[in-house]
Amino acid sequence: MAFITGYVLDLLLGDPFGGFHPVVWIGKLISFLTDKLLNENDSPDKKRINGITLVSIVITISVLCTGIIIVAAYKINPYFGICIEAFITYQCLATKSLYIESMKVYYALKDTSLEAGRAAVSMIVGRDTASLDEAGVTKAAVETVAENTSDGIIAPMIYLAIGGPILGICYKAINTMDSMIGYKSDKYLDFGRAAAKLDDVVNFIPARISAFLMIVATLFLGRDYNTVNAIYIFRRDRFNHPSPNSAQTESVCAGALGVQLAGPASYFGKLKEKPFIGDMLRKIEVKDIKRANVLMISTSILCALICSILIFVLEGRF
C-alpha cells in the first residue's frame, strides 16, 4: 500500500517545492561535511580517506534517521506508519519532476525561442548550453530523460521494493553524493572517488533492468518506437559512455526513436570527446523530447507493477 501510494503521489504531484525534501537535507549534510573534510592541500590518499569518511557518515545518518522516523510513526499508529512510508517513497522518486523539467525545454523551443530552450535545458544538464543549436538542446533534453529514467526512477523503485524507504533513502544518499562530489575535476577527483564508485556499483544492476524494461515498453507504444532497433543499438552502444551505466538506457532510447545521441560536448569551456550513441536514421526533432517522456513514464509504470508483485512475494502474500 505504501509503495503504490508513494508512486501515485509522485506521478500526480512531483517533487514538492521548499526545503522539506529529504534530498535537500542530505545535500546540506554533504556540503557541511565537504567543507570540514576537503582540504585541497591534502595528499591524494588523504583526500580519498576523507571521501570514504564522508560517504560512511552520510549513509549512516540518512539510514538511521529514516529508520527512527518509520519506527516512531508505527509506534504512534500503524496507519500513520503506512502514511509516512508512502510519503518517503514518494520523495525517493522523480517521475513527474523529470517530466516537468524536460517538457519545459520542449515548450520553450516550441512556443518561445532557442534562447529560452537553452536556458531551460541548462537547468537539467551539466554541459555548456550557450552555443547549442535547436538539435543540440533537444538532444541534451532527450539524453537527460533517458539517463534519469534509471537513476531517478527505476533504481530507487527497485531499492524501495527490496528494502522499503530505508534502502530507498540509502540509495538517494549515494546518488546525491555522486551528483555533488563525484566529478573527475581537480577538486573532486580523489575526494569524490568513493562516492562515484559506490554510485556505479548500486546502479549497475538497476541500469540494466531499466534498459530491459524500456525495451519491453516500446512494444506497447506504437510506430514511433522501434523495438528491433532499440535492441540492436542497446547491444552495440550500451557501453559508449565513461560511466558503465549511463549508456544502458540512452542506447535503448536512441534506438527506439531512431536518432543519434551523445557525442562531443563542452563542459566548463572544454570540449570533451565522447562516442555517439545510436544511428541518425532521421534528424532529431523537438517532439522527441515528448516521445522520450512517454517512454520514460511507460517504463516507470511497468516497473511499478513488477515491484508491487515483488513486494507481495517478499511479504509472503503469494
C-alpha atoms as a PDB file:
ATOM      1  CA  MET A   1       0.000   0.000   0.000  1.00  0.00           C
ATOM      2  CA  ALA A   2       2.779   2.422   0.916  1.00  0.00           C
ATOM      3  CA  PHE A   3       4.761   1.670  -2.245  1.00  0.00           C
ATOM      4  CA  ILE A   4       1.819   2.077  -4.631  1.00  0.00           C
ATOM      5  CA  THR A   5       0.582   5.203  -2.841  1.00  0.00           C
ATOM      6  CA  GLY A   6       4.052   6.760  -2.971  1.00  0.00           C
ATOM      7  CA  TYR A   7       4.382   6.057  -6.682  1.00  0.00           C
ATOM      8  CA  VAL A   8       0.953   7.522  -7.456  1.00  0.00           C
ATOM      9  CA  LEU A   9       1.754  10.623  -5.375  1.00  0.00           C
ATOM     10  CA  ASP A  10       4.933  11.096  -7.396  1.00  0.00           C
ATOM     11  CA  LEU A  11       3.013  10.783 -10.661  1.00  0.00           C
ATOM     12  CA  LEU A  12       0.400  13.289  -9.523  1.00  0.00           C
ATOM     13  CA  LEU A  13       2.424  15.819  -7.536  1.00  0.00           C
ATOM     14  CA  GLY A  14       6.098  15.605  -8.445  1.00  0.00           C
ATOM     15  CA  ASP A  15       8.744  16.991  -6.112  1.00  0.00           C
ATOM     16  CA  PRO A  16       7.396  19.446  -3.521  1.00  0.00           C
ATOM     17  CA  PHE A  17       8.863  22.910  -3.505  1.00  0.00           C
ATOM     18  CA  GLY A  18      10.724  24.170  -0.478  1.00  0.00           C
ATOM     19  CA  GLY A  19      13.317  22.648   1.829  1.00  0.00           C
ATOM     20  CA  PHE A  20      11.357  19.705   3.225  1.00  0.00           C
ATOM     21  CA  HIS A  21      12.582  17.180   0.663  1.00  0.00           C
ATOM     22  CA  PRO A  22      14.998  14.654   2.270  1.00  0.00           C
ATOM     23  CA  VAL A  23      17.444  15.062  -0.615  1.00  0.00           C
ATOM     24  CA  VAL A  24      17.739  18.746   0.331  1.00  0.00           C
ATOM     25  CA  TRP A  25      18.761  17.768   3.861  1.00  0.00           C
ATOM     26  CA  ILE A  26      21.122  15.098   2.574  1.00  0.00           C
ATOM     27  CA  GLY A  27      22.640  17.718   0.271  1.00  0.00           C
ATOM     28  CA  LYS A  28      23.139  20.106   3.187  1.00  0.00           C
ATOM     29  CA  LEU A  29      24.866  17.356   5.161  1.00  0.00           C
ATOM     30  CA  ILE A  30      27.146  16.588   2.205  1.00  0.00           C
ATOM     31  CA  SER A  31      28.018  20.285   1.810  1.00  0.00           C
ATOM     32  CA  PHE A  32      28.749  20.610   5.544  1.00  0.00           C
ATOM     33  CA  LEU A  33      30.994  17.545   5.596  1.00  0.00           C
ATOM     34  CA  THR A  34      32.734  18.602   2.392  1.00  0.00           C
ATOM     35  CA  ASP A  35      33.642  21.935   3.989  1.00  0.00           C
ATOM     36  CA  LYS A  36      35.041  20.090   7.010  1.00  0.00           C
ATOM     37  CA  LEU A  37      36.836  17.220   5.282  1.00  0.00           C
ATOM     38  CA  LEU A  38      38.056  18.543   1.929  1.00  0.00           C
ATOM     39  CA  ASN A  39      41.403  20.306   2.052  1.00  0.00           C
ATOM     40  CA  GLU A  40      42.894  20.920  -1.377  1.00  0.00           C
ATOM     41  CA  ASN A  41      46.398  20.827   0.139  1.00  0.00           C
ATOM     42  CA  ASP A  42      45.960  17.257   1.366  1.00  0.00           C
ATOM     43  CA  SER A  43      47.627  14.380  -0.444  1.00  0.00           C
ATOM     44  CA  PRO A  44      45.536  12.271  -2.867  1.00  0.00           C
ATOM     45  CA  ASP A  45      45.487   9.393  -0.360  1.00  0.00           C
ATOM     46  CA  LYS A  46      44.282  11.677   2.426  1.00  0.00           C
ATOM     47  CA  LYS A  47      41.541  13.055   0.181  1.00  0.00           C
ATOM     48  CA  ARG A  48      40.376   9.535  -0.663  1.00  0.00           C
ATOM     49  CA  ILE A  49      40.264   8.550   3.018  1.00  0.00           C
ATOM     50  CA  ASN A  50      38.275  11.679   3.848  1.00  0.00           C
ATOM     51  CA  GLY A  51      35.958  10.929   0.933  1.00  0.00           C
ATOM     52  CA  ILE A  52      35.303   7.453   2.328  1.00  0.00           C
ATOM     53  CA  THR A  53      34.634   9.046   5.730  1.00  0.00           C
ATOM     54  CA  LEU A  54      32.070  11.400   4.181  1.00  0.00           C
ATOM     55  CA  VAL A  55      30.309   8.543   2.394  1.00  0.00           C
ATOM     56  CA  SER A  56      30.154   6.487   5.593  1.00  0.00           C
ATOM     57  CA  ILE A  57      28.762   9.346   7.682  1.00  0.00           C
ATOM     58  CA  VAL A  58      26.144  10.401   5.123  1.00  0.00           C
ATOM     59  CA  ILE A  59      24.832   6.864   4.633  1.00  0.00           C
ATOM     60  CA  THR A  60      24.779   6.130   8.369  1.00  0.00           C
ATOM     61  CA  ILE A  61      22.922   9.321   9.305  1.00  0.00           C
ATOM     62  CA  SER A  62      20.466   9.017   6.399  1.00  0.00           C
ATOM     63  CA  VAL A  63      19.597   5.398   7.204  1.00  0.00           C
ATOM     64  CA  LEU A  64      19.376   5.921  10.971  1.00  0.00           C
ATOM     65  CA  CYS A  65      17.151   8.996  10.691  1.00  0.00           C
ATOM     66  CA  THR A  66      14.820   7.251   8.252  1.00  0.00           C
ATOM     67  CA  GLY A  67      14.625   4.151  10.450  1.00  0.00           C
ATOM     68  CA  ILE A  68      13.897   6.183  13.586  1.00  0.00           C
ATOM     69  CA  ILE A  69      11.141   8.145  11.825  1.00  0.00           C
ATOM     70  CA  ILE A  70       9.458   4.991  10.488  1.00  0.00           C
ATOM     71  CA  VAL A  71       9.657   3.089  13.795  1.00  0.00           C
ATOM     72  CA  ALA A  72       8.287   6.101  15.692  1.00  0.00           C
ATOM     73  CA  ALA A  73       5.450   6.504  13.188  1.00  0.00           C
ATOM     74  CA  TYR A  74       4.388   2.858  13.522  1.00  0.00           C
ATOM     75  CA  LYS A  75       4.513   3.077  17.312  1.00  0.00           C
ATOM     76  CA  ILE A  76       2.095   6.007  17.147  1.00  0.00           C
ATOM     77  CA  ASN A  77      -0.305   4.201  14.813  1.00  0.00           C
ATOM     78  CA  PRO A  78       0.093   1.526  12.098  1.00  0.00           C
ATOM     79  CA  TYR A  79      -1.834   3.591   9.578  1.00  0.00           C
ATOM     80  CA  PHE A  80       0.299   6.614  10.367  1.00  0.00           C
ATOM     81  CA  GLY A  81       3.340   4.415   9.743  1.00  0.00           C
ATOM     82  CA  ILE A  82       1.982   3.459   6.313  1.00  0.00           C
ATOM     83  CA  CYS A  83       1.408   7.140   5.514  1.00  0.00           C
ATOM     84  CA  ILE A  84       4.990   8.006   6.464  1.00  0.00           C
ATOM     85  CA  GLU A  85       6.337   5.106   4.386  1.00  0.00           C
ATOM     86  CA  ALA A  86       4.216   6.265   1.430  1.00  0.00           C
ATOM     87  CA  PHE A  87       5.470   9.843   1.837  1.00  0.00           C
ATOM     88  CA  ILE A  88       9.133   8.805   1.935  1.00  0.00           C
ATOM     89  CA  THR A  89       8.582   6.521  -1.067  1.00  0.00           C
ATOM     90  CA  TYR A  90       7.079   9.464  -2.921  1.00  0.00           C
ATOM     91  CA  GLN A  91      10.112  11.592  -2.012  1.00  0.00           C
ATOM     92  CA  CYS A  92      12.520   8.996  -3.429  1.00  0.00           C
ATOM     93  CA  LEU A  93      11.011   9.053  -6.931  1.00  0.00           C
ATOM     94  CA  ALA A  94      11.304  11.690  -9.644  1.00  0.00           C
ATOM     95  CA  THR A  95       8.921  10.673 -12.410  1.00  0.00           C
ATOM     96  CA  LYS A  96       6.813  13.803 -12.673  1.00  0.00           C
ATOM     97  CA  SER A  97       9.631  16.222 -11.853  1.00  0.00           C
ATOM     98  CA  LEU A  98      11.733  14.743 -14.675  1.00  0.00           C
ATOM     99  CA  TYR A  99       8.744  15.071 -16.989  1.00  0.00           C
ATOM    100  CA  ILE A 100       8.056  18.676 -15.959  1.00  0.00           C
ATOM    101  CA  GLU A 101      11.649  19.886 -16.205  1.00  0.00           C
ATOM    102  CA  SER A 102      12.288  18.265 -19.585  1.00  0.00           C
ATOM    103  CA  MET A 103       8.971  19.425 -21.003  1.00  0.00           C
ATOM    104  CA  LYS A 104       9.933  22.987 -20.079  1.00  0.00           C
ATOM    105  CA  VAL A 105      12.616  22.592 -22.744  1.00  0.00           C
ATOM    106  CA  TYR A 106      10.042  21.256 -25.213  1.00  0.00           C
ATOM    107  CA  TYR A 107       7.637  24.158 -24.712  1.00  0.00           C
ATOM    108  CA  ALA A 108      10.447  26.723 -24.697  1.00  0.00           C
ATOM    109  CA  LEU A 109      11.684  25.532 -28.086  1.00  0.00           C
ATOM    110  CA  LYS A 110       8.199  25.058 -29.492  1.00  0.00           C
ATOM    111  CA  ASP A 111       6.496  28.219 -28.248  1.00  0.00           C
ATOM    112  CA  THR A 112       9.222  30.705 -27.318  1.00  0.00           C
ATOM    113  CA  SER A 113      12.774  30.760 -28.651  1.00  0.00           C
ATOM    114  CA  LEU A 114      16.072  28.929 -28.889  1.00  0.00           C
ATOM    115  CA  GLU A 115      17.449  31.122 -26.086  1.00  0.00           C
ATOM    116  CA  ALA A 116      14.592  30.066 -23.833  1.00  0.00           C
ATOM    117  CA  GLY A 117      15.290  26.437 -24.726  1.00  0.00           C
ATOM    118  CA  ARG A 118      18.962  26.841 -23.849  1.00  0.00           C
ATOM    119  CA  ALA A 119      18.035  28.396 -20.503  1.00  0.00           C
ATOM    120  CA  ALA A 120      15.580  25.592 -19.723  1.00  0.00           C
ATOM    121  CA  VAL A 121      17.948  22.774 -20.622  1.00  0.00           C
ATOM    122  CA  SER A 122      20.788  24.381 -18.638  1.00  0.00           C
ATOM    123  CA  MET A 123      18.758  23.623 -15.506  1.00  0.00           C
ATOM    124  CA  ILE A 124      18.874  19.847 -16.081  1.00  0.00           C
ATOM    125  CA  VAL A 125      22.264  19.184 -17.733  1.00  0.00           C
ATOM    126  CA  GLY A 126      25.859  19.780 -16.728  1.00  0.00           C
ATOM    127  CA  ARG A 127      27.223  20.671 -20.157  1.00  0.00           C
ATOM    128  CA  ASP A 128      27.656  24.159 -21.597  1.00  0.00           C
ATOM    129  CA  THR A 129      24.459  25.190 -23.379  1.00  0.00           C
ATOM    130  CA  ALA A 130      25.118  28.731 -24.612  1.00  0.00           C
ATOM    131  CA  SER A 131      26.218  27.646 -28.107  1.00  0.00           C
ATOM    132  CA  LEU A 132      23.817  24.730 -28.637  1.00  0.00           C
ATOM    133  CA  ASP A 133      21.533  24.861 -31.648  1.00  0.00           C
ATOM    134  CA  GLU A 134      17.958  23.543 -31.546  1.00  0.00           C
ATOM    135  CA  ALA A 135      19.067  19.991 -32.287  1.00  0.00           C
ATOM    136  CA  GLY A 136      21.724  20.191 -29.556  1.00  0.00           C
ATOM    137  CA  VAL A 137      19.241  21.451 -26.968  1.00  0.00           C
ATOM    138  CA  THR A 138      16.747  18.755 -27.928  1.00  0.00           C
ATOM    139  CA  LYS A 139      19.384  16.042 -27.784  1.00  0.00           C
ATOM    140  CA  ALA A 140      20.521  17.162 -24.333  1.00  0.00           C
ATOM    141  CA  ALA A 141      16.950  17.007 -23.016  1.00  0.00           C
ATOM    142  CA  VAL A 142      16.312  13.552 -24.529  1.00  0.00           C
ATOM    143  CA  GLU A 143      19.582  12.226 -23.075  1.00  0.00           C
ATOM    144  CA  THR A 144      18.633  13.538 -19.637  1.00  0.00           C
ATOM    145  CA  VAL A 145      15.240  11.858 -19.725  1.00  0.00           C
ATOM    146  CA  ALA A 146      16.755   8.577 -20.917  1.00  0.00           C
ATOM    147  CA  GLU A 147      19.578   8.514 -18.365  1.00  0.00           C
ATOM    148  CA  ASN A 148      17.461   9.616 -15.418  1.00  0.00           C
ATOM    149  CA  THR A 149      14.806   7.024 -16.168  1.00  0.00           C
ATOM    150  CA  SER A 150      17.230   4.662 -14.472  1.00  0.00           C
ATOM    151  CA  ASP A 151      18.818   6.558 -11.581  1.00  0.00           C
ATOM    152  CA  GLY A 152      15.889   8.889 -10.886  1.00  0.00           C
ATOM    153  CA  ILE A 153      13.021   6.402 -11.132  1.00  0.00           C
ATOM    154  CA  ILE A 154      13.709   2.713 -11.767  1.00  0.00           C
ATOM    155  CA  ALA A 155      16.730   2.277  -9.466  1.00  0.00           C
ATOM    156  CA  PRO A 156      15.116   3.893  -6.401  1.00  0.00           C
ATOM    157  CA  MET A 157      11.903   1.979  -7.156  1.00  0.00           C
ATOM    158  CA  ILE A 158      13.801  -1.313  -7.110  1.00  0.00           C
ATOM    159  CA  TYR A 159      15.542  -0.486  -3.816  1.00  0.00           C
ATOM    160  CA  LEU A 160      12.244   0.645  -2.294  1.00  0.00           C
ATOM    161  CA  ALA A 161      10.666  -2.654  -3.301  1.00  0.00           C
ATOM    162  CA  ILE A 162      13.525  -4.677  -1.773  1.00  0.00           C
ATOM    163  CA  GLY A 163      14.182  -2.727   1.415  1.00  0.00           C
ATOM    164  CA  GLY A 164      11.447  -0.142   1.816  1.00  0.00           C
ATOM    165  CA  PRO A 165      12.085   3.563   2.497  1.00  0.00           C
ATOM    166  CA  ILE A 166      15.267   2.853   4.480  1.00  0.00           C
ATOM    167  CA  LEU A 167      17.015   1.292   1.481  1.00  0.00           C
ATOM    168  CA  GLY A 168      15.364   3.856  -0.800  1.00  0.00           C
ATOM    169  CA  ILE A 169      16.832   6.751   1.180  1.00  0.00           C
ATOM    170  CA  CYS A 170      20.193   4.958   1.321  1.00  0.00           C
ATOM    171  CA  TYR A 171      20.185   4.855  -2.479  1.00  0.00           C
ATOM    172  CA  LYS A 172      19.189   8.528  -2.737  1.00  0.00           C
ATOM    173  CA  ALA A 173      22.022   9.468  -0.376  1.00  0.00           C
ATOM    174  CA  ILE A 174      24.547   7.637  -2.579  1.00  0.00           C
ATOM    175  CA  ASN A 175      23.102   9.151  -5.741  1.00  0.00           C
ATOM    176  CA  THR A 176      23.148  12.655  -4.229  1.00  0.00           C
ATOM    177  CA  MET A 177      26.767  12.292  -3.140  1.00  0.00           C
ATOM    178  CA  ASP A 178      27.722  11.269  -6.660  1.00  0.00           C
ATOM    179  CA  SER A 179      25.902  14.245  -8.172  1.00  0.00           C
ATOM    180  CA  MET A 180      27.586  16.672  -5.763  1.00  0.00           C
ATOM    181  CA  ILE A 181      31.159  15.417  -5.403  1.00  0.00           C
ATOM    182  CA  GLY A 182      31.535  12.556  -7.894  1.00  0.00           C
ATOM    183  CA  TYR A 183      33.257  14.659 -10.558  1.00  0.00           C
ATOM    184  CA  LYS A 184      36.552  13.976 -12.320  1.00  0.00           C
ATOM    185  CA  SER A 185      37.694  17.521 -11.671  1.00  0.00           C
ATOM    186  CA  ASP A 186      40.873  18.663  -9.935  1.00  0.00           C
ATOM    187  CA  LYS A 187      38.862  19.417  -6.813  1.00  0.00           C
ATOM    188  CA  TYR A 188      36.888  16.186  -6.507  1.00  0.00           C
ATOM    189  CA  LEU A 189      38.909  13.567  -8.409  1.00  0.00           C
ATOM    190  CA  ASP A 190      40.254  11.911  -5.258  1.00  0.00           C
ATOM    191  CA  PHE A 191      37.811  13.178  -2.619  1.00  0.00           C
ATOM    192  CA  GLY A 192      34.742  12.105  -4.602  1.00  0.00           C
ATOM    193  CA  ARG A 193      36.115   8.798  -5.850  1.00  0.00           C
ATOM    194  CA  ALA A 194      34.365   6.667  -3.200  1.00  0.00           C
ATOM    195  CA  ALA A 195      31.015   8.340  -3.877  1.00  0.00           C
ATOM    196  CA  ALA A 196      31.356   7.916  -7.644  1.00  0.00           C
ATOM    197  CA  LYS A 197      32.437   4.279  -7.474  1.00  0.00           C
ATOM    198  CA  LEU A 198      29.717   3.374  -4.993  1.00  0.00           C
ATOM    199  CA  ASP A 199      27.126   5.013  -7.242  1.00  0.00           C
ATOM    200  CA  ASP A 200      28.396   2.904 -10.149  1.00  0.00           C
ATOM    201  CA  VAL A 201      28.012  -0.239  -8.044  1.00  0.00           C
ATOM    202  CA  VAL A 202      24.483   0.417  -6.762  1.00  0.00           C
ATOM    203  CA  ASN A 203      23.285   1.406 -10.249  1.00  0.00           C
ATOM    204  CA  PHE A 204      24.926  -1.478 -12.119  1.00  0.00           C
ATOM    205  CA  ILE A 205      22.013  -3.930 -11.992  1.00  0.00           C
ATOM    206  CA  PRO A 206      19.178  -1.332 -11.940  1.00  0.00           C
ATOM    207  CA  ALA A 207      20.556   0.334 -15.093  1.00  0.00           C
ATOM    208  CA  ARG A 208      20.370  -2.948 -16.972  1.00  0.00           C
ATOM    209  CA  ILE A 209      16.917  -3.721 -15.617  1.00  0.00           C
ATOM    210  CA  SER A 210      15.853  -0.225 -16.713  1.00  0.00           C
ATOM    211  CA  ALA A 211      17.123  -0.849 -20.234  1.00  0.00           C
ATOM    212  CA  PHE A 212      15.272  -4.170 -20.419  1.00  0.00           C
ATOM    213  CA  LEU A 213      12.019  -2.620 -19.156  1.00  0.00           C
ATOM    214  CA  MET A 214      12.400   0.258 -21.603  1.00  0.00           C
ATOM    215  CA  ILE A 215      12.732  -2.202 -24.484  1.00  0.00           C
ATOM    216  CA  VAL A 216       9.597  -4.026 -23.312  1.00  0.00           C
ATOM    217  CA  ALA A 217       7.734  -0.715 -23.029  1.00  0.00           C
ATOM    218  CA  THR A 218       8.418   0.084 -26.698  1.00  0.00           C
ATOM    219  CA  LEU A 219       6.265  -2.914 -27.644  1.00  0.00           C
ATOM    220  CA  PHE A 220       3.156  -1.060 -26.475  1.00  0.00           C
ATOM    221  CA  LEU A 221       3.852   2.468 -27.732  1.00  0.00           C
ATOM    222  CA  GLY A 222       3.121   2.353 -31.449  1.00  0.00           C
ATOM    223  CA  ARG A 223       5.008   3.122 -34.623  1.00  0.00           C
ATOM    224  CA  ASP A 224       7.085   5.996 -33.192  1.00  0.00           C
ATOM    225  CA  TYR A 225       9.107   3.403 -31.253  1.00  0.00           C
ATOM    226  CA  ASN A 226      11.216   0.757 -32.987  1.00  0.00           C
ATOM    227  CA  THR A 227      11.740  -2.229 -30.689  1.00  0.00           C
ATOM    228  CA  VAL A 228      14.061  -4.118 -33.043  1.00  0.00           C
ATOM    229  CA  ASN A 229      16.331  -1.117 -33.479  1.00  0.00           C
ATOM    230  CA  ALA A 230      16.219  -0.421 -29.726  1.00  0.00           C
ATOM    231  CA  ILE A 231      17.593  -3.917 -29.083  1.00  0.00           C
ATOM    232  CA  TYR A 232      20.224  -3.546 -31.816  1.00  0.00           C
ATOM    233  CA  ILE A 233      21.533  -0.178 -30.611  1.00  0.00           C
ATOM    234  CA  PHE A 234      21.430  -1.334 -26.981  1.00  0.00           C
ATOM    235  CA  ARG A 235      23.612  -4.340 -27.750  1.00  0.00           C
ATOM    236  CA  ARG A 236      26.019  -2.248 -29.812  1.00  0.00           C
ATOM    237  CA  ASP A 237      26.271   1.060 -27.914  1.00  0.00           C
ATOM    238  CA  ARG A 238      25.375   0.308 -24.282  1.00  0.00           C
ATOM    239  CA  PHE A 239      28.976   0.944 -23.187  1.00  0.00           C
ATOM    240  CA  ASN A 240      29.544   4.118 -25.239  1.00  0.00           C
ATOM    241  CA  HIS A 241      29.880   6.264 -22.125  1.00  0.00           C
ATOM    242  CA  PRO A 242      32.558   6.834 -19.457  1.00  0.00           C
ATOM    243  CA  SER A 243      30.054   5.520 -16.906  1.00  0.00           C
ATOM    244  CA  PRO A 244      29.299   1.779 -17.065  1.00  0.00           C
ATOM    245  CA  ASN A 245      25.609   2.561 -16.537  1.00  0.00           C
ATOM    246  CA  SER A 246      24.578   5.773 -18.289  1.00  0.00           C
ATOM    247  CA  ALA A 247      24.512   4.449 -21.860  1.00  0.00           C
ATOM    248  CA  GLN A 248      22.301   1.483 -20.971  1.00  0.00           C
ATOM    249  CA  THR A 249      19.038   3.414 -21.183  1.00  0.00           C
ATOM    250  CA  GLU A 250      20.380   6.092 -23.533  1.00  0.00           C
ATOM    251  CA  SER A 251      21.164   3.417 -26.122  1.00  0.00           C
ATOM    252  CA  VAL A 252      17.659   1.946 -25.892  1.00  0.00           C
ATOM    253  CA  CYS A 253      16.074   5.388 -26.234  1.00  0.00           C
ATOM    254  CA  ALA A 254      18.282   6.314 -29.203  1.00  0.00           C
ATOM    255  CA  GLY A 255      17.498   3.044 -30.943  1.00  0.00           C
ATOM    256  CA  ALA A 256      13.778   3.208 -30.213  1.00  0.00           C
ATOM    257  CA  LEU A 257      13.491   6.747 -31.609  1.00  0.00           C
ATOM    258  CA  GLY A 258      15.929   6.208 -34.481  1.00  0.00           C
ATOM    259  CA  VAL A 259      18.101   9.188 -33.516  1.00  0.00           C
ATOM    260  CA  GLN A 260      21.733   9.734 -32.572  1.00  0.00           C
ATOM    261  CA  LEU A 261      22.567  10.868 -29.036  1.00  0.00           C
ATOM    262  CA  ALA A 262      25.735  11.759 -27.090  1.00  0.00           C
ATOM    263  CA  GLY A 263      28.917  12.656 -28.996  1.00  0.00           C
ATOM    264  CA  PRO A 264      31.348  15.504 -28.230  1.00  0.00           C
ATOM    265  CA  ALA A 265      30.102  18.089 -25.716  1.00  0.00           C
ATOM    266  CA  SER A 266      31.515  21.139 -23.965  1.00  0.00           C
ATOM    267  CA  TYR A 267      31.885  21.181 -20.182  1.00  0.00           C
ATOM    268  CA  PHE A 268      33.128  24.273 -18.349  1.00  0.00           C
ATOM    269  CA  GLY A 269      34.539  25.650 -21.596  1.00  0.00           C
ATOM    270  CA  LYS A 270      36.407  22.468 -22.563  1.00  0.00           C
ATOM    271  CA  LEU A 271      35.321  20.168 -25.374  1.00  0.00           C
ATOM    272  CA  LYS A 272      35.030  16.587 -24.178  1.00  0.00           C
ATOM    273  CA  GLU A 273      35.160  13.865 -26.797  1.00  0.00           C
ATOM    274  CA  LYS A 274      32.505  11.208 -26.256  1.00  0.00           C
ATOM    275  CA  PRO A 275      31.326   8.468 -28.620  1.00  0.00           C
ATOM    276  CA  PHE A 276      27.958   8.713 -30.297  1.00  0.00           C
ATOM    277  CA  ILE A 277      25.052   6.524 -29.250  1.00  0.00           C
ATOM    278  CA  GLY A 278      22.643   5.353 -31.951  1.00  0.00           C
ATOM    279  CA  ASP A 279      22.406   5.918 -35.687  1.00  0.00           C
ATOM    280  CA  MET A 280      20.986   9.018 -37.314  1.00  0.00           C
ATOM    281  CA  LEU A 281      18.144   7.260 -39.118  1.00  0.00           C
ATOM    282  CA  ARG A 282      16.491  10.677 -39.044  1.00  0.00           C
ATOM    283  CA  LYS A 283      17.302  14.106 -37.632  1.00  0.00           C
ATOM    284  CA  ILE A 284      16.321  14.654 -34.037  1.00  0.00           C
ATOM    285  CA  GLU A 285      13.308  16.954 -33.600  1.00  0.00           C
ATOM    286  CA  VAL A 286      11.734  18.830 -30.704  1.00  0.00           C
ATOM    287  CA  LYS A 287       8.884  16.311 -30.496  1.00  0.00           C
ATOM    288  CA  ASP A 288      11.447  13.658 -29.498  1.00  0.00           C
ATOM    289  CA  ILE A 289      11.500  15.204 -26.012  1.00  0.00           C
ATOM    290  CA  LYS A 290       7.829  14.306 -25.663  1.00  0.00           C
ATOM    291  CA  ARG A 291       8.445  10.843 -27.140  1.00  0.00           C
ATOM    292  CA  ALA A 292      11.269  10.223 -24.648  1.00  0.00           C
ATOM    293  CA  ASN A 293       8.946  11.196 -21.799  1.00  0.00           C
ATOM    294  CA  VAL A 294       6.237   8.820 -22.992  1.00  0.00           C
ATOM    295  CA  LEU A 295       8.852   6.062 -22.996  1.00  0.00           C
ATOM    296  CA  MET A 296      10.063   7.081 -19.531  1.00  0.00           C
ATOM    297  CA  ILE A 297       6.578   7.106 -17.963  1.00  0.00           C
ATOM    298  CA  SER A 298       5.625   3.807 -19.617  1.00  0.00           C
ATOM    299  CA  THR A 299       8.803   2.205 -18.293  1.00  0.00           C
ATOM    300  CA  SER A 300       8.084   3.509 -14.786  1.00  0.00           C
ATOM    301  CA  ILE A 301       4.531   2.113 -14.824  1.00  0.00           C
ATOM    302  CA  LEU A 302       5.821  -1.257 -15.961  1.00  0.00           C
ATOM    303  CA  CYS A 303       8.439  -1.278 -13.189  1.00  0.00           C
ATOM    304  CA  ALA A 304       5.890  -0.194 -10.561  1.00  0.00           C
ATOM    305  CA  LEU A 305       3.667  -3.134 -11.462  1.00  0.00           C
ATOM    306  CA  ILE A 306       6.557  -5.599 -11.263  1.00  0.00           C
ATOM    307  CA  CYS A 307       7.841  -4.116  -7.991  1.00  0.00           C
ATOM    308  CA  SER A 308       4.345  -4.312  -6.462  1.00  0.00           C
ATOM    309  CA  ILE A 309       4.280  -8.037  -7.241  1.00  0.00           C
ATOM    310  CA  LEU A 310       7.801  -8.368  -5.803  1.00  0.00           C
ATOM    311  CA  ILE A 311       6.715  -6.727  -2.549  1.00  0.00           C
ATOM    312  CA  PHE A 312       3.762  -9.096  -2.229  1.00  0.00           C
ATOM    313  CA  VAL A 313       6.116 -12.039  -2.780  1.00  0.00           C
ATOM    314  CA  LEU A 314       8.664 -10.764  -0.250  1.00  0.00           C
ATOM    315  CA  GLU A 315       5.909 -10.247   2.311  1.00  0.00           C
ATOM    316  CA  GLY A 316       4.701 -13.814   1.777  1.00  0.00           C
ATOM    317  CA  ARG A 317       1.304 -12.838   0.420  1.00  0.00           C
ATOM    318  CA  PHE A 318       1.518 -15.192  -2.549  1.00  0.00           C
END
